[in-house]
C-alpha cells in the first residue's frame, strides 16, 4: 500500500522522497504519513532538520517554507496558544498549494480533534465554507488554536 511505502521511506530516513510525495497530488492519508515521517526525521537531529528545510526551499517560496518548517517539526503548546500562529494557519488553509493546506489542517486537527469540515483537496468554495467555521472558532477562542 502507499502508506506502507511512505513508512519505509521514513524508516530509511529518505526525506527528499518524502518531500516529493508531500508535493505530489496524492490521497490525504499518504500526505499525512509523509508529514509524520518528515516530522520524525526533522526532530531526530539538527542536520536532518536543515536538510528538510533545504528541500522545502527548493520547492517553495522562502516565506512559505518559513511557515511550513516549524509545522513539520510539530506544533508546540506555546505555538498553539499564539494568535500569530493561528493567523498563519488560517492563511495556509487558503494556500493554492495542496501540501501547505494539508499540513495546516493536519496540525490544527491534531490540536483541536476537529477539522470543521475542512478538506484540503476540496474545491475552493467548499474550503471557504470550512475556513469560515475556523474563523468563528478562533473568534470564540480568543484568536488562538488552544487556550
Protein backbone atom coordinates (compact mmCIF):
# COMPACT_ATOMS: atom_id res chain seq x y z
CA UNK A 1 0.00 0.00 0.00
CA UNK A 2 1.02 3.62 -0.40
CA UNK A 3 1.15 4.28 3.34
CA UNK A 4 3.47 1.32 3.86
CA UNK A 5 5.81 2.64 1.17
CA UNK A 6 5.82 6.06 2.86
CA UNK A 7 6.58 4.47 6.24
CA UNK A 8 9.52 2.61 4.70
CA UNK A 9 10.84 5.92 3.34
CA UNK A 10 10.52 7.36 6.85
CA UNK A 11 12.39 4.41 8.37
CA UNK A 12 15.15 4.74 5.80
CA UNK A 13 15.16 8.50 6.50
CA UNK A 14 14.63 9.41 2.85
CA UNK A 15 13.47 12.97 3.49
CA UNK A 16 13.84 14.03 -0.14
CA UNK A 17 11.43 11.37 -1.40
CA UNK A 18 9.02 12.11 1.45
CA UNK A 19 9.04 15.77 0.44
CA UNK A 20 8.39 14.76 -3.16
CA UNK A 21 5.40 12.68 -2.07
CA UNK A 22 4.08 15.57 0.01
CA UNK A 23 4.13 17.83 -3.04
CA UNK A 24 2.55 15.30 -5.42
CA UNK A 25 -1.23 15.03 -5.81
CA UNK A 26 -1.88 12.09 -3.50
CA UNK A 27 -4.52 10.90 -1.08
CA UNK A 28 -4.58 12.87 2.19
CA UNK A 29 -3.68 9.76 4.20
CA UNK A 30 -0.48 9.40 2.14
CA UNK A 31 0.33 13.08 2.68
CA UNK A 32 -0.22 12.72 6.43
CA UNK A 33 2.06 9.69 6.55
CA UNK A 34 4.71 11.71 4.67
CA UNK A 35 4.28 14.57 7.18
CA UNK A 36 4.69 12.14 10.09
CA UNK A 37 7.84 10.72 8.51
CA UNK A 38 9.30 14.17 7.87
CA UNK A 39 8.47 15.19 11.44
CA UNK A 40 10.27 12.17 12.82
CA UNK A 41 13.32 12.79 10.65
CA UNK A 42 13.40 16.56 11.31
CA UNK A 43 13.20 16.06 15.06
CA UNK A 44 16.00 13.47 15.05
CA UNK A 45 18.85 15.93 14.51
CA UNK A 46 19.66 19.49 13.55
CA UNK A 47 21.40 18.25 10.40
CA UNK A 48 18.26 16.35 9.35
CA UNK A 49 16.07 19.38 10.03
CA UNK A 50 18.36 21.60 7.96
CA UNK A 51 18.27 19.07 5.13
CA UNK A 52 14.47 19.14 5.14
CA UNK A 53 14.48 22.95 5.27
CA UNK A 54 16.78 22.99 2.22
CA UNK A 55 14.41 20.60 0.44
CA UNK A 56 11.46 22.86 1.22
CA UNK A 57 13.35 25.91 -0.03
CA UNK A 58 13.90 24.27 -3.43
CA UNK A 59 10.16 23.57 -3.71
CA UNK A 60 8.59 26.71 -2.22
CA UNK A 61 8.98 30.46 -2.00
CA UNK A 62 11.01 31.37 1.11
CA UNK A 63 8.07 32.85 3.01
CA UNK A 64 6.08 29.65 2.57
CA UNK A 65 8.95 27.35 3.53
CA UNK A 66 9.49 29.52 6.63
CA UNK A 67 5.87 28.81 7.64
CA UNK A 68 5.96 25.10 6.83
CA UNK A 69 9.19 24.14 8.58
CA UNK A 70 8.02 24.86 12.15
CA UNK A 71 4.82 22.94 11.42
CA UNK A 72 6.80 19.97 10.14
CA UNK A 73 8.62 19.94 13.48
CA UNK A 74 5.23 19.83 15.20
CA UNK A 75 3.08 22.43 16.90
CA UNK A 76 4.26 23.26 20.43
CA UNK A 77 1.90 24.28 23.23
CA UNK A 78 3.26 27.83 23.01
CA UNK A 79 2.62 27.97 19.26
CA UNK A 80 -0.90 26.59 19.70
CA UNK A 81 -1.58 29.42 22.15
CA UNK A 82 -0.10 32.12 19.89
CA UNK A 83 -2.55 34.29 17.88
CA UNK A 84 0.14 34.94 15.24
CA UNK A 85 0.45 31.20 14.61
CA UNK A 86 -3.35 30.91 14.38
CA UNK A 87 -3.36 33.67 11.76
CA UNK A 88 -0.59 31.93 9.81
CA UNK A 89 -2.51 28.63 9.91
CA UNK A 90 -5.60 30.37 8.56
CA UNK A 91 -3.54 31.79 5.72
CA UNK A 92 -2.16 28.34 4.98
CA UNK A 93 -5.70 26.94 4.70
CA UNK A 94 -6.18 29.42 1.85
CA UNK A 95 -2.98 28.40 0.06
CA UNK A 96 -3.04 27.41 -3.59
CA UNK A 97 -0.67 24.56 -2.67
CA UNK A 98 -2.27 21.29 -1.52
CA UNK A 99 0.75 20.33 0.62
CA UNK A 100 0.52 23.59 2.55
CA UNK A 101 -3.21 23.20 3.17
CA UNK A 102 -2.77 19.55 4.22
CA UNK A 103 -0.02 20.35 6.71
CA UNK A 104 -2.02 23.21 8.24
CA UNK A 105 -5.25 21.26 8.73
CA UNK A 106 -3.37 18.20 9.98
CA UNK A 107 -1.74 20.21 12.76
CA UNK A 108 -4.97 22.08 13.54
CA UNK A 109 -6.92 18.83 13.75
CA UNK A 110 -4.25 17.22 15.95
CA UNK A 111 -4.66 20.05 18.47
CA UNK A 112 -8.44 20.52 18.38
CA UNK A 113 -9.57 16.97 17.42
CA UNK A 114 -11.81 18.61 14.79
CA UNK A 115 -11.35 19.70 11.20
CA UNK A 116 -14.60 21.69 10.97
CA UNK A 117 -15.42 20.16 7.62
CA UNK A 118 -12.17 21.33 6.03
CA UNK A 119 -10.72 19.01 3.40
CA UNK A 120 -7.57 20.32 1.70
CA UNK A 121 -8.35 18.62 -1.61
CA UNK A 122 -11.88 20.06 -1.85
CA UNK A 123 -12.81 22.72 -4.35
CA UNK A 124 -12.31 26.33 -3.28
CA UNK A 125 -15.96 27.07 -2.48
CA UNK A 126 -16.20 24.14 -0.05
CA UNK A 127 -12.89 25.06 1.56
CA UNK A 128 -14.12 28.64 2.04
CA UNK A 129 -17.17 27.43 3.97
CA UNK A 130 -14.92 25.42 6.31
CA UNK A 131 -12.49 28.33 6.66
CA UNK A 132 -15.40 30.48 7.85
CA UNK A 133 -16.10 27.84 10.51
CA UNK A 134 -12.45 28.02 11.57
CA UNK A 135 -12.65 31.81 11.71
CA UNK A 136 -15.66 31.56 14.04
CA UNK A 137 -13.76 29.04 16.16
CA UNK A 138 -10.82 31.44 16.52
CA UNK A 139 -13.13 34.37 17.29
CA UNK A 140 -14.75 32.34 20.10
CA UNK A 141 -11.36 31.08 21.33
CA UNK A 142 -9.54 34.42 21.81
CA UNK A 143 -7.77 34.09 18.45
CA UNK A 144 -5.74 31.01 19.39
CA UNK A 145 -5.81 27.36 18.43
CA UNK A 146 -5.88 26.14 22.03
CA UNK A 147 -6.17 28.24 25.19
